[in-house]
Amino acid sequence: MQLKLLSLAKGMATFVPGVLRFACGRSFGSDSPRYCYSVWLRHLERIAACGLPARFDTVAELGPGDSLGIGIAAMLSGARRYVALDAVPFARVASDIEVFDQLAALFERREPLPGPDEYPHIAPDVDSLGFPHELLDPARLTSALAPERKRAIRAALAGQGSDAAAVQYVAPWTDAGLVESESVDLAFSQAVLEHVDDVAATYRALHRWLRPGGIMSHAIDFKSHGLTRDWFGHWTIPAWQWTLVRGRRPYLINRLPASRHLELLSAAGFEVLLTLRTEAAPAPRAALAREFAAMPDDDLRTSAMFVIARKPRRSIVP
């Protein structure tokens, strides 16, 4: 049996009154400053390597979880406005201020990127772990890390936004109208889109929020997240049993493979510019549940994917 009995027991327990709130207490998100620093600079370097601009006025993050750290790193790189969108309210102002202070110190020291020795599964891969001086030159960082600007970011994190720095935290975001149309320059996520139930609607919302020419950068994890013995085991579980594993939790994993994400990106009107697949031992097709039996061969060995996409400058919103 692929499914771990504990995974099934946890899901079924959420049907018991009073248990659900304990099952959703934390997101286990990006609460390490060094992790947030490394993730943001990796996204930035990959975007620049595609020949795209790496300066953004407004950035939006899907699923920041317990910490707004990656978005804070974006602001310390020069972004003026950060929009954080979560399914469940997780952010904690006190810890975000502490993360801010540590992130600012990392940028001021031009610290090299923490690598796989510190975070073994961090994505995306980059060619060098050195600080990207060519992207964050002295003039840019001097402006971004000026004392008055750091004070403005700290104030924004405490809910006192200004023209110099603004943080908008939306949780839960259930309506695409909560963010202004064509107001975002970059949207990104880190190991989040595998947890979203309606991925098609999410990509349509992102298309609506991005300015023409706006960019998306997403790291997506297709593994079973420890629910089964093998990384692909979630694709071997039939729908009726998966309903019990999911229980009443507001999110788990959606089990969509890489090819489906690429189809939905195209359907939402995006131009896919880069896909980097992480491969693992392929899932045996004979073991798959009926709803996954026809998955493309590439999906059977794709355990993660990093994708960069762009909203065309002239497009019709789907």
Protein backbone atom coordinates (compact mmCIF):
# COMPACT_ATOMS: atom_id res chain seq x y z
CA MET A 1 0.00 0.00 0.00
CA GLN A 2 1.49 3.34 -1.09
CA LEU A 3 -0.56 5.49 1.26
CA LYS A 4 0.81 5.93 4.77
CA LEU A 5 -1.82 5.02 7.35
CA LEU A 6 -0.95 8.14 9.34
CA SER A 7 -1.80 10.29 6.29
CA LEU A 8 -5.20 8.64 6.05
CA ALA A 9 -5.80 8.95 9.79
CA LYS A 10 -4.99 12.68 9.78
CA GLY A 11 -7.38 13.36 6.93
CA MET A 12 -10.21 11.36 8.46
CA ALA A 13 -9.66 13.05 11.83
CA THR A 14 -10.59 16.42 10.32
CA PHE A 15 -14.18 15.22 10.02
CA VAL A 16 -14.34 15.18 13.83
CA PRO A 17 -15.70 18.49 15.23
CA GLY A 18 -12.96 20.66 16.73
CA VAL A 19 -10.04 18.85 15.11
CA LEU A 20 -9.77 20.88 11.91
CA ARG A 21 -8.30 24.00 13.50
CA PHE A 22 -5.38 21.95 14.89
CA ALA A 23 -4.72 20.45 11.46
CA CYS A 24 -4.27 23.93 9.93
CA GLY A 25 -2.34 25.75 12.61
CA ARG A 26 0.77 26.56 10.53
CA SER A 27 1.73 26.68 6.89
CA PHE A 28 5.37 25.72 7.52
CA GLY A 29 6.21 28.52 5.11
CA SER A 30 9.26 30.62 4.48
CA ASP A 31 10.22 31.73 8.02
CA SER A 32 14.03 31.47 7.59
CA PRO A 33 15.65 34.74 6.44
CA ARG A 34 18.48 32.91 4.71
CA TYR A 35 16.02 30.69 2.86
CA CYS A 36 13.94 33.69 1.76
CA TYR A 37 17.07 35.53 0.64
CA SER A 38 18.25 32.57 -1.43
CA VAL A 39 14.84 31.91 -3.00
CA TRP A 40 14.30 35.53 -4.05
CA LEU A 41 17.75 35.92 -5.60
CA ARG A 42 17.33 32.60 -7.43
CA HIS A 43 14.07 33.79 -8.99
CA LEU A 44 15.68 37.11 -9.86
CA GLU A 45 18.69 35.48 -11.51
CA ARG A 46 16.55 33.10 -13.56
CA ILE A 47 14.34 35.95 -14.73
CA ALA A 48 17.36 37.98 -15.81
CA ALA A 49 18.88 34.95 -17.58
CA CYS A 50 15.78 34.89 -19.81
CA GLY A 51 16.65 38.38 -20.99
CA LEU A 52 13.82 39.89 -18.97
CA PRO A 53 13.91 43.03 -16.81
CA ALA A 54 14.80 42.31 -13.19
CA ARG A 55 13.47 45.54 -11.65
CA PHE A 56 9.89 45.55 -10.38
CA ASP A 57 7.79 48.24 -8.79
CA THR A 58 4.98 45.93 -7.61
CA VAL A 59 5.44 42.24 -6.81
CA ALA A 60 2.78 39.75 -5.74
CA GLU A 61 3.36 36.44 -3.98
CA LEU A 62 0.99 33.50 -3.79
CA GLY A 63 1.05 31.62 -0.50
CA PRO A 64 3.73 33.35 1.61
CA GLY A 65 2.59 31.36 4.66
CA ASP A 66 4.04 32.03 8.11
CA SER A 67 6.45 34.72 6.90
CA LEU A 68 6.47 37.46 4.29
CA GLY A 69 10.23 36.98 3.98
CA ILE A 70 10.54 36.47 0.23
CA GLY A 71 8.42 39.54 -0.45
CA ILE A 72 10.50 41.52 2.04
CA ALA A 73 13.61 40.45 0.11
CA ALA A 74 11.97 41.80 -3.05
CA MET A 75 11.37 45.14 -1.35
CA LEU A 76 14.95 45.27 -0.11
CA SER A 77 15.95 44.81 -3.76
CA GLY A 78 13.98 47.89 -4.79
CA ALA A 79 10.31 46.88 -5.13
CA ARG A 80 8.01 49.59 -3.79
CA ARG A 81 4.86 47.53 -3.26
CA TYR A 82 4.37 43.93 -2.16
CA VAL A 83 1.04 42.09 -2.36
CA ALA A 84 0.82 38.85 -0.34
CA LEU A 85 -2.06 36.47 -1.10
CA ASP A 86 -2.82 33.54 1.19
CA ALA A 87 -5.62 30.98 1.39
CA VAL A 88 -5.59 31.14 5.20
CA PRO A 89 -4.29 34.02 7.41
CA PHE A 90 -0.80 33.04 8.62
CA ALA A 91 1.37 36.17 8.66
CA ARG A 92 2.76 37.36 12.01
CA VAL A 93 3.91 41.00 12.15
CA ALA A 94 6.38 40.56 15.02
CA SER A 95 8.27 37.76 13.29
CA ASP A 96 8.18 39.62 9.96
CA ILE A 97 9.98 42.59 11.53
CA GLU A 98 12.67 40.24 12.83
CA VAL A 99 13.00 38.60 9.40
CA PHE A 100 13.25 42.08 7.84
CA ASP A 101 16.19 43.04 10.06
CA GLN A 102 18.10 39.85 9.24
CA LEU A 103 17.37 40.12 5.52
CA ALA A 104 18.55 43.71 5.43
CA ALA A 105 21.84 42.60 6.99
CA LEU A 106 22.26 39.87 4.35
CA PHE A 107 21.81 42.40 1.54
CA GLU A 108 24.10 44.94 3.17
CA ARG A 109 26.85 42.31 3.40
CA ARG A 110 26.16 41.14 -0.18
CA GLU A 111 26.04 37.63 1.25
CA PRO A 112 26.47 34.71 -1.19
CA LEU A 113 23.35 32.62 -1.78
CA PRO A 114 22.82 29.77 0.70
CA GLY A 115 23.14 26.59 -1.34
CA PRO A 116 21.94 22.97 -1.34
CA ASP A 117 24.24 22.09 1.55
CA GLU A 118 22.07 24.32 3.73
CA TYR A 119 18.75 23.81 1.91
CA PRO A 120 19.03 20.52 -0.04
CA HIS A 121 15.88 20.89 -2.14
CA ILE A 122 15.87 24.62 -2.77
CA ALA A 123 14.78 25.77 -6.23
CA PRO A 124 15.43 26.97 -8.81
CA ASP A 125 19.02 26.00 -9.56
CA VAL A 126 21.36 28.83 -10.54
CA ASP A 127 24.76 28.86 -12.23
CA SER A 128 26.53 30.59 -9.33
CA LEU A 129 25.94 31.05 -5.61
CA GLY A 130 27.84 34.33 -5.58
CA PHE A 131 25.97 37.53 -4.88
CA PRO A 132 24.49 38.85 -8.18
CA HIS A 133 26.37 42.18 -8.31
CA GLU A 134 25.43 42.64 -11.96
CA LEU A 135 21.72 42.66 -11.05
CA LEU A 136 21.93 44.48 -7.73
CA ASP A 137 24.60 47.06 -8.45
CA PRO A 138 25.83 49.53 -5.80
CA ALA A 139 23.54 52.34 -6.98
CA ARG A 140 20.45 50.14 -6.85
CA LEU A 141 21.23 48.71 -3.42
CA THR A 142 22.27 52.05 -1.96
CA SER A 143 18.86 53.41 -2.89
CA ALA A 144 16.95 50.29 -1.80
CA LEU A 145 18.74 50.05 1.56
CA ALA A 146 18.76 53.75 2.43
CA PRO A 147 17.85 54.31 6.11
CA GLU A 148 14.67 56.22 5.28
CA ARG A 149 13.54 53.49 2.91
CA LYS A 150 14.17 50.74 5.46
CA ARG A 151 12.11 52.72 7.95
CA ALA A 152 9.32 52.94 5.37
CA ILE A 153 9.38 49.16 4.78
CA ARG A 154 9.28 48.45 8.52
CA ALA A 155 6.31 50.80 8.85
CA ALA A 156 4.55 49.12 5.92
CA LEU A 157 4.99 45.72 7.57
CA ALA A 158 3.29 47.17 10.65
CA GLY A 159 0.36 48.34 8.52
CA GLN A 160 1.51 51.94 7.96
CA GLY A 161 2.04 51.99 4.20
CA SER A 162 3.19 55.03 2.23
CA ASP A 163 4.18 56.05 -1.28
CA ALA A 164 7.71 54.84 -0.50
CA ALA A 165 6.70 51.33 0.60
CA ALA A 166 3.41 49.45 0.79
CA VAL A 167 2.46 45.94 1.90
CA GLN A 168 -0.97 44.53 1.11
CA TYR A 169 -1.86 41.26 2.83
CA VAL A 170 -4.97 39.50 1.50
CA ALA A 171 -6.19 36.33 3.24
CA PRO A 172 -8.19 34.57 2.21
CA TRP A 173 -8.15 35.77 -1.37
CA THR A 174 -11.28 34.34 -2.90
CA ASP A 175 -12.02 37.03 -5.46
CA ALA A 176 -9.71 38.19 -8.24
CA GLY A 177 -11.16 41.67 -7.78
CA LEU A 178 -9.30 42.05 -4.48
CA VAL A 179 -6.21 43.14 -6.47
CA GLU A 180 -6.39 45.89 -9.08
CA SER A 181 -6.27 44.77 -12.69
CA GLU A 182 -2.95 45.28 -14.47
CA SER A 183 -1.25 46.56 -11.30
CA VAL A 184 1.46 43.90 -10.79
CA ASP A 185 4.84 43.68 -12.52
CA LEU A 186 5.95 40.30 -11.15
CA ALA A 187 3.97 37.45 -9.58
CA PHE A 188 5.82 34.54 -8.00
CA SER A 189 5.37 31.53 -5.76
CA GLN A 190 7.58 28.94 -4.09
CA ALA A 191 6.16 25.42 -3.69
CA VAL A 192 2.60 26.77 -3.51
CA LEU A 193 0.77 26.04 -6.77
CA GLU A 194 0.66 22.31 -5.98
CA HIS A 195 -1.59 23.22 -3.03
CA VAL A 196 -4.10 25.36 -4.95
CA ASP A 197 -7.42 23.63 -5.70
CA ASP A 198 -8.54 25.74 -8.67
CA VAL A 199 -5.31 26.27 -10.59
CA ALA A 200 -7.13 27.39 -13.75
CA ALA A 201 -8.89 30.21 -11.87
CA THR A 202 -5.61 31.17 -10.18
CA TYR A 203 -3.79 31.53 -13.49
CA ARG A 204 -6.67 33.60 -14.85
CA ALA A 205 -6.51 35.85 -11.79
CA LEU A 206 -2.76 36.27 -12.20
CA HIS A 207 -3.27 37.18 -15.84
CA ARG A 208 -5.78 39.83 -14.78
CA TRP A 209 -3.45 41.31 -12.13
CA LEU A 210 -0.32 41.49 -14.26
CA ARG A 211 0.42 44.47 -16.44
CA PRO A 212 0.86 43.77 -20.16
CA GLY A 213 4.37 42.33 -20.40
CA GLY A 214 4.24 41.31 -16.72
CA ILE A 215 6.15 38.23 -15.59
CA MET A 216 5.40 35.15 -13.49
CA SER A 217 8.00 32.95 -11.81
CA HIS A 218 6.89 29.75 -10.06
CA ALA A 219 8.60 26.78 -8.41
CA ILE A 220 6.13 23.86 -8.27
CA ASP A 221 6.64 20.61 -6.34
CA PHE A 222 4.85 17.54 -7.73
CA LYS A 223 5.91 15.07 -5.04
CA SER A 224 3.53 13.47 -2.55
CA HIS A 225 4.71 15.70 0.33
CA GLY A 226 5.30 12.67 2.54
CA LEU A 227 1.75 11.32 2.25
CA THR A 228 2.98 8.13 0.56
CA ARG A 229 6.11 5.99 0.55
CA ASP A 230 7.22 6.99 -2.96
CA TRP A 231 7.40 10.52 -4.38
CA PHE A 232 4.72 9.62 -6.96
CA GLY A 233 2.46 7.66 -4.61
CA HIS A 234 -0.31 10.30 -4.55
CA TRP A 235 -1.01 9.43 -8.20
CA THR A 236 -1.69 5.81 -7.26
CA ILE A 237 -4.53 6.65 -4.84
CA PRO A 238 -8.09 6.45 -6.26
CA ALA A 239 -10.37 9.48 -5.97
CA TRP A 240 -12.62 8.01 -3.26
CA GLN A 241 -9.64 7.32 -1.00
CA TRP A 242 -8.08 10.71 -1.72
CA THR A 243 -11.27 12.35 -0.43
CA LEU A 244 -10.59 10.73 2.95
CA VAL A 245 -6.92 11.76 2.90
CA ARG A 246 -7.84 15.38 2.17
CA GLY A 247 -10.59 15.45 4.77
CA ARG A 248 -11.92 18.91 5.54
CA ARG A 249 -8.58 20.68 5.33
CA PRO A 250 -8.70 23.93 3.32
CA TYR A 251 -5.79 22.72 1.19
CA LEU A 252 -3.51 19.74 0.73
CA ILE A 253 -2.05 18.98 -2.73
CA ASN A 254 -3.99 19.07 -5.98
CA ARG A 255 -2.11 16.19 -7.70
CA LEU A 256 -1.86 18.04 -11.04
CA PRO A 257 1.21 17.00 -13.09
CA ALA A 258 3.54 19.37 -14.95
CA SER A 259 1.81 19.05 -18.32
CA ARG A 260 -1.51 20.16 -16.86
CA HIS A 261 0.05 23.31 -15.41
CA LEU A 262 1.54 24.16 -18.81
CA GLU A 263 -1.84 23.61 -20.49
CA LEU A 264 -3.58 25.87 -17.98
CA LEU A 265 -0.93 28.58 -18.36
CA SER A 266 -1.49 28.64 -22.11
CA ALA A 267 -5.27 28.59 -21.69
CA ALA A 268 -5.04 31.61 -19.35
CA GLY A 269 -3.22 33.56 -22.05
CA PHE A 270 0.41 33.28 -20.89
CA GLU A 271 3.50 32.79 -23.00
CA VAL A 272 5.75 30.20 -21.35
CA LEU A 273 9.37 31.35 -21.59
CA LEU A 274 11.23 28.78 -19.50
CA THR A 275 10.59 25.37 -17.96
CA LEU A 276 13.17 23.59 -15.84
CA ARG A 277 12.14 20.09 -14.81
CA THR A 278 13.59 18.12 -11.91
CA GLU A 279 13.53 14.42 -12.68
CA ALA A 280 13.23 11.43 -10.35
CA ALA A 281 12.79 7.68 -10.75
CA PRO A 282 9.74 7.38 -13.03
CA ALA A 283 6.37 6.34 -11.65
CA PRO A 284 5.36 2.90 -13.00
CA ARG A 285 2.33 3.48 -15.19
CA ALA A 286 0.71 0.22 -14.10
CA ALA A 287 0.53 1.47 -10.51
CA LEU A 288 -1.34 4.69 -11.33
CA ALA A 289 -4.95 5.27 -10.35
CA ARG A 290 -7.41 5.39 -13.25
CA GLU A 291 -7.58 9.20 -13.40
CA PHE A 292 -3.80 9.41 -13.90
CA ALA A 293 -3.28 6.38 -16.15
CA ALA A 294 -2.91 8.44 -19.34
CA MET A 295 -0.33 10.94 -18.01
CA PRO A 296 2.41 11.83 -20.52
CA ASP A 297 5.70 10.00 -20.03
CA ASP A 298 7.50 13.23 -19.08
CA ASP A 299 5.12 13.73 -16.15
CA LEU A 300 5.92 10.30 -14.76
CA ARG A 301 9.46 11.43 -13.94
CA THR A 302 8.93 15.15 -13.28
CA SER A 303 9.04 15.65 -9.51
CA ALA A 304 9.31 19.45 -9.68
CA MET A 305 9.27 22.26 -12.21
CA PHE A 306 10.35 25.87 -12.35
CA VAL A 307 8.48 27.95 -14.90
CA ILE A 308 8.70 31.54 -16.09
CA ALA A 309 5.80 32.92 -18.10
CA ARG A 310 4.82 36.32 -19.47
CA LYS A 311 1.56 38.09 -20.14
CA PRO A 312 1.80 39.35 -23.72
CA ARG A 313 1.87 43.11 -24.15
CA ARG A 314 -1.16 42.88 -26.39
CA SER A 315 -3.57 40.20 -25.33
CA ILE A 316 -7.21 39.51 -24.72
CA VAL A 317 -7.93 38.62 -21.10
CA PRO A 318 -9.43 35.09 -21.10
